[in-house]
PDB file of all heavy atoms in Angstrom:
ATOM      1  N   LEU A   1      -0.728   9.341  -7.098  1.00  0.00           N
ATOM      2  CA  LEU A   1      -1.198   7.967  -7.235  1.00  0.00           C
ATOM      3  C   LEU A   1      -1.900   7.243  -6.063  1.00  0.00           C
ATOM      4  O   LEU A   1      -2.971   6.672  -6.205  1.00  0.00           O
ATOM      5  CB  LEU A   1      -0.056   7.004  -7.742  1.00  0.00           C
ATOM      6  CG  LEU A   1      -0.342   5.632  -8.121  1.00  0.00           C
ATOM      7  CD1 LEU A   1       0.600   5.314  -9.324  1.00  0.00           C
ATOM      8  CD2 LEU A   1      -0.097   4.596  -6.891  1.00  0.00           C
ATOM      9  N   PHE A   2      -1.266   7.420  -4.940  1.00  0.00           N
ATOM     10  CA  PHE A   2      -1.923   6.730  -3.785  1.00  0.00           C
ATOM     11  C   PHE A   2      -3.300   7.494  -3.432  1.00  0.00           C
ATOM     12  O   PHE A   2      -4.157   6.871  -2.946  1.00  0.00           O
ATOM     13  CB  PHE A   2      -1.041   6.902  -2.613  1.00  0.00           C
ATOM     14  CG  PHE A   2       0.065   5.868  -2.395  1.00  0.00           C
ATOM     15  CD1 PHE A   2       1.283   5.811  -3.161  1.00  0.00           C
ATOM     16  CD2 PHE A   2      -0.200   4.853  -1.523  1.00  0.00           C
ATOM     17  CE1 PHE A   2       2.132   4.837  -3.154  1.00  0.00           C
ATOM     18  CE2 PHE A   2       0.754   3.699  -1.544  1.00  0.00           C
ATOM     19  CZ  PHE A   2       1.980   3.753  -2.325  1.00  0.00           C
ATOM     20  N   ALA A   3      -3.330   8.691  -3.767  1.00  0.00           N
ATOM     21  CA  ALA A   3      -4.514   9.486  -3.389  1.00  0.00           C
ATOM     22  C   ALA A   3      -5.657   9.023  -4.310  1.00  0.00           C
ATOM     23  O   ALA A   3      -6.897   9.082  -3.878  1.00  0.00           O
ATOM     24  CB  ALA A   3      -4.366  10.965  -3.474  1.00  0.00           C
ATOM     25  N   ALA A   4      -5.348   8.718  -5.508  1.00  0.00           N
ATOM     26  CA  ALA A   4      -6.471   8.399  -6.501  1.00  0.00           C
ATOM     27  C   ALA A   4      -6.812   6.974  -6.531  1.00  0.00           C
ATOM     28  O   ALA A   4      -7.937   6.650  -6.929  1.00  0.00           O
ATOM     29  CB  ALA A   4      -5.892   8.821  -7.955  1.00  0.00           C
ATOM     30  N   ALA A   5      -5.918   6.033  -6.311  1.00  0.00           N
ATOM     31  CA  ALA A   5      -6.244   4.573  -6.532  1.00  0.00           C
ATOM     32  C   ALA A   5      -7.011   3.900  -5.464  1.00  0.00           C
ATOM     33  O   ALA A   5      -6.883   4.149  -4.252  1.00  0.00           O
ATOM     34  CB  ALA A   5      -4.785   3.865  -6.584  1.00  0.00           C
ATOM     35  N   ASP A   6      -7.785   2.948  -5.909  1.00  0.00           N
ATOM     36  CA  ASP A   6      -8.655   2.085  -5.004  1.00  0.00           C
ATOM     37  C   ASP A   6      -7.838   0.815  -4.724  1.00  0.00           C
ATOM     38  O   ASP A   6      -7.975   0.397  -3.505  1.00  0.00           O
ATOM     39  CB  ASP A   6      -9.963   1.670  -5.720  1.00  0.00           C
ATOM     40  CG  ASP A   6     -10.715   2.879  -6.299  1.00  0.00           C
ATOM     41  OD1 ASP A   6     -11.046   3.681  -5.384  1.00  0.00           O
ATOM     42  OD2 ASP A   6     -11.011   2.863  -7.294  1.00  0.00           O
ATOM     43  N   LEU A   7      -7.128   0.396  -5.620  1.00  0.00           N
ATOM     44  CA  LEU A   7      -6.167  -0.902  -5.443  1.00  0.00           C
ATOM     45  C   LEU A   7      -4.788  -0.502  -5.798  1.00  0.00           C
ATOM     46  O   LEU A   7      -4.518  -0.058  -6.851  1.00  0.00           O
ATOM     47  CB  LEU A   7      -6.797  -1.880  -6.363  1.00  0.00           C
ATOM     48  CG  LEU A   7      -6.014  -3.169  -6.617  1.00  0.00           C
ATOM     49  CD1 LEU A   7      -5.811  -3.924  -5.301  1.00  0.00           C
ATOM     50  CD2 LEU A   7      -6.611  -4.150  -7.597  1.00  0.00           C
ATOM     51  N   ILE A   8      -3.904  -0.709  -4.792  1.00  0.00           N
ATOM     52  CA  ILE A   8      -2.512  -0.447  -4.958  1.00  0.00           C
ATOM     53  C   ILE A   8      -1.761  -1.675  -5.280  1.00  0.00           C
ATOM     54  O   ILE A   8      -1.859  -2.710  -4.398  1.00  0.00           O
ATOM     55  CB  ILE A   8      -1.859   0.239  -3.699  1.00  0.00           C
ATOM     56  CG1 ILE A   8      -2.492   1.603  -3.465  1.00  0.00           C
ATOM     57  CG2 ILE A   8      -0.296   0.404  -3.937  1.00  0.00           C
ATOM     58  CD1 ILE A   8      -2.159   2.686  -4.466  1.00  0.00           C
ATOM     59  N   VAL A   9      -1.087  -1.849  -6.329  1.00  0.00           N
ATOM     60  CA  VAL A   9      -0.437  -3.006  -6.636  1.00  0.00           C
ATOM     61  C   VAL A   9       1.195  -2.732  -6.674  1.00  0.00           C
ATOM     62  O   VAL A   9       1.685  -1.861  -7.408  1.00  0.00           O
ATOM     63  CB  VAL A   9      -0.754  -3.565  -8.065  1.00  0.00           C
ATOM     64  CG1 VAL A   9      -0.038  -4.879  -8.516  1.00  0.00           C
ATOM     65  CG2 VAL A   9      -2.184  -3.765  -8.265  1.00  0.00           C
ATOM     66  N   LYS A  10       1.886  -3.510  -5.818  1.00  0.00           N
ATOM     67  CA  LYS A  10       3.370  -3.268  -5.667  1.00  0.00           C
ATOM     68  C   LYS A  10       4.053  -4.524  -5.886  1.00  0.00           C
ATOM     69  O   LYS A  10       3.565  -5.610  -6.085  1.00  0.00           O
ATOM     70  CB  LYS A  10       3.617  -2.642  -4.300  1.00  0.00           C
ATOM     71  CG  LYS A  10       3.242  -1.057  -4.199  1.00  0.00           C
ATOM     72  CD  LYS A  10       3.507  -0.528  -2.838  1.00  0.00           C
ATOM     73  CE  LYS A  10       4.812  -0.917  -2.210  1.00  0.00           C
ATOM     74  NZ  LYS A  10       5.985  -0.596  -2.917  1.00  0.00           N
ATOM     75  N   VAL A  11       5.269  -4.501  -5.505  1.00  0.00           N
ATOM     76  CA  VAL A  11       6.176  -5.606  -5.420  1.00  0.00           C
ATOM     77  C   VAL A  11       6.600  -5.795  -3.932  1.00  0.00           C
ATOM     78  O   VAL A  11       6.249  -6.802  -3.224  1.00  0.00           O
ATOM     79  CB  VAL A  11       7.402  -5.617  -6.208  1.00  0.00           C
ATOM     80  CG1 VAL A  11       8.320  -6.763  -5.945  1.00  0.00           C
ATOM     81  CG2 VAL A  11       7.087  -5.423  -7.701  1.00  0.00           C
ATOM     82  N   LYS A  12       7.371  -4.920  -3.404  1.00  0.00           N
ATOM     83  CA  LYS A  12       7.974  -5.017  -2.032  1.00  0.00           C
ATOM     84  C   LYS A  12       6.877  -4.474  -1.047  1.00  0.00           C
ATOM     85  O   LYS A  12       6.012  -3.601  -1.424  1.00  0.00           O
ATOM     86  CB  LYS A  12       9.283  -4.311  -1.814  1.00  0.00           C
ATOM     87  CG  LYS A  12      10.276  -5.076  -2.652  1.00  0.00           C
ATOM     88  CD  LYS A  12      10.387  -6.613  -2.047  1.00  0.00           C
ATOM     89  CE  LYS A  12      10.952  -6.775  -0.728  1.00  0.00           C
ATOM     90  NZ  LYS A  12      10.999  -8.212  -0.358  1.00  0.00           N
ATOM     91  N   GLU A  13       7.085  -4.632   0.234  1.00  0.00           N
ATOM     92  CA  GLU A  13       6.422  -4.025   1.331  1.00  0.00           C
ATOM     93  C   GLU A  13       6.431  -2.594   1.305  1.00  0.00           C
ATOM     94  O   GLU A  13       7.398  -2.071   0.960  1.00  0.00           O
ATOM     95  CB  GLU A  13       6.686  -4.607   2.615  1.00  0.00           C
ATOM     96  CG  GLU A  13       8.124  -4.120   3.143  1.00  0.00           C
ATOM     97  CD  GLU A  13       9.311  -4.820   2.651  1.00  0.00           C
ATOM     98  OE1 GLU A  13       9.054  -5.649   1.793  1.00  0.00           O
ATOM     99  OE2 GLU A  13      10.469  -4.405   2.908  1.00  0.00           O
ATOM    100  N   PRO A  14       5.260  -1.956   1.606  1.00  0.00           N
ATOM    101  CA  PRO A  14       5.368  -0.439   1.607  1.00  0.00           C
ATOM    102  C   PRO A  14       6.272   0.068   2.545  1.00  0.00           C
ATOM    103  O   PRO A  14       6.410  -0.384   3.794  1.00  0.00           O
ATOM    104  CB  PRO A  14       3.893  -0.079   1.989  1.00  0.00           C
ATOM    105  CG  PRO A  14       3.289  -1.246   2.656  1.00  0.00           C
ATOM    106  CD  PRO A  14       3.961  -2.339   2.139  1.00  0.00           C
ATOM    107  N   GLN A  15       7.112   1.076   2.215  1.00  0.00           N
ATOM    108  CA  GLN A  15       8.043   1.663   3.119  1.00  0.00           C
ATOM    109  C   GLN A  15       7.342   2.690   3.990  1.00  0.00           C
ATOM    110  O   GLN A  15       6.081   3.032   3.802  1.00  0.00           O
ATOM    111  CB  GLN A  15       9.119   2.345   2.258  1.00  0.00           C
ATOM    112  CG  GLN A  15       9.863   1.427   1.257  1.00  0.00           C
ATOM    113  CD  GLN A  15      10.452   0.218   2.109  1.00  0.00           C
ATOM    114  OE1 GLN A  15      11.358   0.405   2.736  1.00  0.00           O
ATOM    115  NE2 GLN A  15      10.078  -0.953   1.935  1.00  0.00           N
ATOM    116  N   ALA A  16       7.910   3.270   4.984  1.00  0.00           N
ATOM    117  CA  ALA A  16       7.256   4.048   6.034  1.00  0.00           C
ATOM    118  C   ALA A  16       6.506   5.189   5.379  1.00  0.00           C
ATOM    119  O   ALA A  16       5.341   5.589   5.594  1.00  0.00           O
ATOM    120  CB  ALA A  16       8.330   4.651   7.030  1.00  0.00           C
ATOM    121  N   VAL A  17       7.231   5.882   4.418  1.00  0.00           N
ATOM    122  CA  VAL A  17       6.525   7.095   3.789  1.00  0.00           C
ATOM    123  C   VAL A  17       5.321   6.626   2.891  1.00  0.00           C
ATOM    124  O   VAL A  17       4.254   7.346   2.757  1.00  0.00           O
ATOM    125  CB  VAL A  17       7.488   7.799   2.829  1.00  0.00           C
ATOM    126  CG1 VAL A  17       8.069   6.947   1.631  1.00  0.00           C
ATOM    127  CG2 VAL A  17       7.025   9.124   2.331  1.00  0.00           C
ATOM    128  N   GLU A  18       5.416   5.376   2.351  1.00  0.00           N
ATOM    129  CA  GLU A  18       4.290   4.840   1.573  1.00  0.00           C
ATOM    130  C   GLU A  18       3.090   4.427   2.381  1.00  0.00           C
ATOM    131  O   GLU A  18       1.938   4.727   2.235  1.00  0.00           O
ATOM    132  CB  GLU A  18       4.684   3.713   0.793  1.00  0.00           C
ATOM    133  CG  GLU A  18       5.642   4.002  -0.361  1.00  0.00           C
ATOM    134  CD  GLU A  18       6.160   2.760  -1.139  1.00  0.00           C
ATOM    135  OE1 GLU A  18       6.567   1.809  -0.420  1.00  0.00           O
ATOM    136  OE2 GLU A  18       6.063   2.797  -2.348  1.00  0.00           O
ATOM    137  N   ARG A  19       3.432   3.943   3.642  1.00  0.00           N
ATOM    138  CA  ARG A  19       2.354   3.480   4.644  1.00  0.00           C
ATOM    139  C   ARG A  19       1.568   4.772   5.073  1.00  0.00           C
ATOM    140  O   ARG A  19       0.445   4.554   5.423  1.00  0.00           O
ATOM    141  CB  ARG A  19       2.957   2.731   5.749  1.00  0.00           C
ATOM    142  CG  ARG A  19       3.774   1.439   5.374  1.00  0.00           C
ATOM    143  CD  ARG A  19       3.967   0.571   6.474  1.00  0.00           C
ATOM    144  NE  ARG A  19       4.967   0.911   7.348  1.00  0.00           N
ATOM    145  CZ  ARG A  19       6.255   0.761   7.413  1.00  0.00           C
ATOM    146  NH1 ARG A  19       6.735   0.170   6.440  1.00  0.00           N
ATOM    147  NH2 ARG A  19       7.083   1.224   8.375  1.00  0.00           N
ATOM    148  N   ARG A  20       2.179   5.822   5.247  1.00  0.00           N
ATOM    149  CA  ARG A  20       1.487   7.038   5.578  1.00  0.00           C
ATOM    150  C   ARG A  20       0.497   7.611   4.559  1.00  0.00           C
ATOM    151  O   ARG A  20      -0.477   8.348   4.921  1.00  0.00           O
ATOM    152  CB  ARG A  20       2.404   8.310   6.062  1.00  0.00           C
ATOM    153  CG  ARG A  20       3.273   7.985   7.221  1.00  0.00           C
ATOM    154  CD  ARG A  20       4.034   9.138   7.671  1.00  0.00           C
ATOM    155  NE  ARG A  20       5.124   9.577   6.900  1.00  0.00           N
ATOM    156  CZ  ARG A  20       6.263   9.133   6.982  1.00  0.00           C
ATOM    157  NH1 ARG A  20       6.606   8.256   7.872  1.00  0.00           N
ATOM    158  NH2 ARG A  20       7.231   9.605   6.064  1.00  0.00           N
ATOM    159  N   ARG A  21       0.533   6.984   3.323  1.00  0.00           N
ATOM    160  CA  ARG A  21      -0.260   7.443   2.260  1.00  0.00           C
ATOM    161  C   ARG A  21      -1.478   6.513   2.167  1.00  0.00           C
ATOM    162  O   ARG A  21      -2.509   6.808   1.421  1.00  0.00           O
ATOM    163  CB  ARG A  21       0.503   7.489   0.866  1.00  0.00           C
ATOM    164  CG  ARG A  21       1.567   8.464   0.948  1.00  0.00           C
ATOM    165  CD  ARG A  21       2.351   8.435  -0.417  1.00  0.00           C
ATOM    166  NE  ARG A  21       3.457   9.432  -0.313  1.00  0.00           N
ATOM    167  CZ  ARG A  21       4.587   9.128  -0.874  1.00  0.00           C
ATOM    168  NH1 ARG A  21       4.863   7.981  -1.491  1.00  0.00           N
ATOM    169  NH2 ARG A  21       5.540  10.215  -0.856  1.00  0.00           N
ATOM    170  N   LEU A  22      -1.470   5.390   2.848  1.00  0.00           N
ATOM    171  CA  LEU A  22      -2.520   4.381   2.735  1.00  0.00           C
ATOM    172  C   LEU A  22      -3.773   4.817   3.518  1.00  0.00           C
ATOM    173  O   LEU A  22      -3.558   5.599   4.508  1.00  0.00           O
ATOM    174  CB  LEU A  22      -2.107   2.969   3.200  1.00  0.00           C
ATOM    175  CG  LEU A  22      -0.941   2.344   2.356  1.00  0.00           C
ATOM    176  CD1 LEU A  22      -0.356   1.110   3.156  1.00  0.00           C
ATOM    177  CD2 LEU A  22      -1.435   2.033   1.024  1.00  0.00           C
ATOM    178  N   ARG A  23      -4.927   4.367   3.130  1.00  0.00           N
ATOM    179  CA  ARG A  23      -6.098   4.778   3.878  1.00  0.00           C
ATOM    180  C   ARG A  23      -7.142   3.706   3.991  1.00  0.00           C
ATOM    181  O   ARG A  23      -7.048   2.687   3.204  1.00  0.00           O
ATOM    182  CB  ARG A  23      -6.711   5.913   3.164  1.00  0.00           C
ATOM    183  CG  ARG A  23      -7.220   5.574   1.900  1.00  0.00           C
ATOM    184  CD  ARG A  23      -7.921   6.854   1.103  1.00  0.00           C
ATOM    185  NE  ARG A  23      -8.537   6.470  -0.209  1.00  0.00           N
ATOM    186  CZ  ARG A  23      -7.877   6.382  -1.328  1.00  0.00           C
ATOM    187  NH1 ARG A  23      -6.448   6.539  -1.351  1.00  0.00           N
ATOM    188  NH2 ARG A  23      -8.360   6.026  -2.497  1.00  0.00           N
ATOM    189  N   ALA A  24      -8.071   3.812   4.894  1.00  0.00           N
ATOM    190  CA  ALA A  24      -9.171   2.746   5.062  1.00  0.00           C
ATOM    191  C   ALA A  24      -9.950   2.684   3.774  1.00  0.00           C
ATOM    192  O   ALA A  24     -10.237   3.708   3.170  1.00  0.00           O
ATOM    193  CB  ALA A  24      -9.999   3.115   6.221  1.00  0.00           C
ATOM    194  N   GLY A  25     -10.378   1.564   3.411  1.00  0.00           N
ATOM    195  CA  GLY A  25     -11.179   1.337   2.148  1.00  0.00           C
ATOM    196  C   GLY A  25     -10.290   1.105   0.992  1.00  0.00           C
ATOM    197  O   GLY A  25     -10.692   0.545  -0.124  1.00  0.00           O
ATOM    198  N   GLN A  26      -9.044   1.309   1.118  1.00  0.00           N
ATOM    199  CA  GLN A  26      -8.110   1.063  -0.019  1.00  0.00           C
ATOM    200  C   GLN A  26      -7.516  -0.467   0.092  1.00  0.00           C
ATOM    201  O   GLN A  26      -7.531  -1.032   1.266  1.00  0.00           O
ATOM    202  CB  GLN A  26      -6.874   1.980   0.161  1.00  0.00           C
ATOM    203  CG  GLN A  26      -6.057   2.181  -1.237  1.00  0.00           C
ATOM    204  CD  GLN A  26      -5.111   3.398  -1.114  1.00  0.00           C
ATOM    205  OE1 GLN A  26      -4.443   3.545  -0.027  1.00  0.00           O
ATOM    206  NE2 GLN A  26      -5.136   4.285  -2.038  1.00  0.00           N
ATOM    207  N   VAL A  27      -7.296  -1.037  -1.102  1.00  0.00           N
ATOM    208  CA  VAL A  27      -6.685  -2.367  -1.034  1.00  0.00           C
ATOM    209  C   VAL A  27      -5.336  -2.349  -1.433  1.00  0.00           C
ATOM    210  O   VAL A  27      -4.903  -1.654  -2.484  1.00  0.00           O
ATOM    211  CB  VAL A  27      -7.517  -3.410  -1.900  1.00  0.00           C
ATOM    212  CG1 VAL A  27      -6.947  -4.814  -2.092  1.00  0.00           C
ATOM    213  CG2 VAL A  27      -9.039  -3.483  -1.525  1.00  0.00           C
ATOM    214  N   LEU A  28      -4.399  -3.017  -0.721  1.00  0.00           N
ATOM    215  CA  LEU A  28      -3.076  -3.118  -1.057  1.00  0.00           C
ATOM    216  C   LEU A  28      -2.701  -4.501  -1.359  1.00  0.00           C
ATOM    217  O   LEU A  28      -3.022  -5.477  -0.615  1.00  0.00           O
ATOM    218  CB  LEU A  28      -2.157  -2.682   0.229  1.00  0.00           C
ATOM    219  CG  LEU A  28      -0.616  -2.889   0.122  1.00  0.00           C
ATOM    220  CD1 LEU A  28      -0.075  -2.038  -0.875  1.00  0.00           C
ATOM    221  CD2 LEU A  28       0.032  -2.641   1.382  1.00  0.00           C
ATOM    222  N   PHE A  29      -2.115  -4.781  -2.634  1.00  0.00           N
ATOM    223  CA  PHE A  29      -1.817  -6.138  -3.063  1.00  0.00           C
ATOM    224  C   PHE A  29      -0.327  -6.201  -3.305  1.00  0.00           C
ATOM    225  O   PHE A  29       0.124  -5.568  -4.418  1.00  0.00           O
ATOM    226  CB  PHE A  29      -2.646  -6.336  -4.357  1.00  0.00           C
ATOM    227  CG  PHE A  29      -2.667  -7.850  -4.756  1.00  0.00           C
ATOM    228  CD1 PHE A  29      -2.753  -8.856  -3.819  1.00  0.00           C
ATOM    229  CD2 PHE A  29      -2.621  -8.079  -6.085  1.00  0.00           C
ATOM    230  CE1 PHE A  29      -2.790 -10.190  -4.369  1.00  0.00           C
ATOM    231  CE2 PHE A  29      -2.782  -9.403  -6.598  1.00  0.00           C
ATOM    232  CZ  PHE A  29      -2.701 -10.400  -5.721  1.00  0.00           C
ATOM    233  N   THR A  30       0.472  -6.906  -2.453  1.00  0.00           N
ATOM    234  CA  THR A  30       1.976  -6.883  -2.649  1.00  0.00           C
ATOM    235  C   THR A  30       2.400  -7.895  -1.627  1.00  0.00           C
ATOM    236  O   THR A  30       1.813  -8.601  -0.977  1.00  0.00           O
ATOM    237  CB  THR A  30       2.514  -5.462  -2.181  1.00  0.00           C
ATOM    238  OG1 THR A  30       3.827  -5.349  -2.656  1.00  0.00           O
ATOM    239  CG2 THR A  30       2.227  -5.045  -0.810  1.00  0.00           C
ATOM    240  N   TYR A  31       3.834  -8.072  -1.727  1.00  0.00           N
ATOM    241  CA  TYR A  31       4.519  -8.817  -0.701  1.00  0.00           C
ATOM    242  C   TYR A  31       4.523  -7.945   0.592  1.00  0.00           C
ATOM    243  O   TYR A  31       4.760  -6.814   0.499  1.00  0.00           O
ATOM    244  CB  TYR A  31       5.988  -9.117  -1.085  1.00  0.00           C
ATOM    245  CG  TYR A  31       6.130 -10.076  -2.187  1.00  0.00           C
ATOM    246  CD1 TYR A  31       6.593  -9.823  -3.386  1.00  0.00           C
ATOM    247  CD2 TYR A  31       5.695 -11.617  -1.983  1.00  0.00           C
ATOM    248  CE1 TYR A  31       6.797 -10.786  -4.366  1.00  0.00           C
ATOM    249  CE2 TYR A  31       5.840 -12.520  -2.994  1.00  0.00           C
ATOM    250  CZ  TYR A  31       6.309 -12.135  -4.254  1.00  0.00           C
ATOM    251  OH  TYR A  31       6.420 -13.076  -5.220  1.00  0.00           O
ATOM    252  N   LEU A  32       4.291  -8.651   1.788  1.00  0.00           N
ATOM    253  CA  LEU A  32       4.261  -7.928   3.001  1.00  0.00           C
ATOM    254  C   LEU A  32       5.321  -8.457   3.975  1.00  0.00           C
ATOM    255  O   LEU A  32       6.042  -7.753   4.658  1.00  0.00           O
ATOM    256  CB  LEU A  32       2.943  -8.079   3.745  1.00  0.00           C
ATOM    257  CG  LEU A  32       1.821  -7.226   2.898  1.00  0.00           C
ATOM    258  CD1 LEU A  32       0.393  -7.515   3.511  1.00  0.00           C
ATOM    259  CD2 LEU A  32       2.075  -5.719   2.835  1.00  0.00           C
ATOM    260  N   HIS A  33       5.365  -9.854   4.236  1.00  0.00           N
ATOM    261  CA  HIS A  33       6.344 -10.431   5.128  1.00  0.00           C
ATOM    262  C   HIS A  33       6.168  -9.672   6.575  1.00  0.00           C
ATOM    263  O   HIS A  33       7.087  -9.145   7.045  1.00  0.00           O
ATOM    264  CB  HIS A  33       7.706 -10.345   4.660  1.00  0.00           C
ATOM    265  CG  HIS A  33       7.892 -10.982   3.228  1.00  0.00           C
ATOM    266  ND1 HIS A  33       7.840 -12.374   3.170  1.00  0.00           N
ATOM    267  CD2 HIS A  33       8.149 -10.439   2.008  1.00  0.00           C
ATOM    268  CE1 HIS A  33       8.082 -12.625   1.763  1.00  0.00           C
ATOM    269  NE2 HIS A  33       8.265 -11.569   1.282  1.00  0.00           N
ATOM    270  N   LEU A  34       4.926  -9.801   7.136  1.00  0.00           N
ATOM    271  CA  LEU A  34       4.779  -9.120   8.337  1.00  0.00           C
ATOM    272  C   LEU A  34       5.393  -9.648   9.621  1.00  0.00           C
ATOM    273  O   LEU A  34       5.678  -8.924  10.576  1.00  0.00           O
ATOM    274  CB  LEU A  34       3.235  -8.885   8.549  1.00  0.00           C
ATOM    275  CG  LEU A  34       2.461  -8.131   7.523  1.00  0.00           C
ATOM    276  CD1 LEU A  34       0.990  -8.035   7.943  1.00  0.00           C
ATOM    277  CD2 LEU A  34       3.042  -6.701   7.475  1.00  0.00           C
ATOM    278  N   ALA A  35       5.528 -11.036   9.604  1.00  0.00           N
ATOM    279  CA  ALA A  35       5.892 -11.641  10.903  1.00  0.00           C
ATOM    280  C   ALA A  35       7.097 -11.044  11.531  1.00  0.00           C
ATOM    281  O   ALA A  35       7.312 -10.934  12.668  1.00  0.00           O
ATOM    282  CB  ALA A  35       6.133 -13.167  10.703  1.00  0.00           C
TER     283      ALA A  35
END
């Protein structure tokens, strides 16, 4: 799924294993709570 999608839609912040699947040019739309 991560390899194919242009736009990733989630609920919670991406976990470590998910973050390793993200790439430049991809859009992630989810809760992040980065602070």
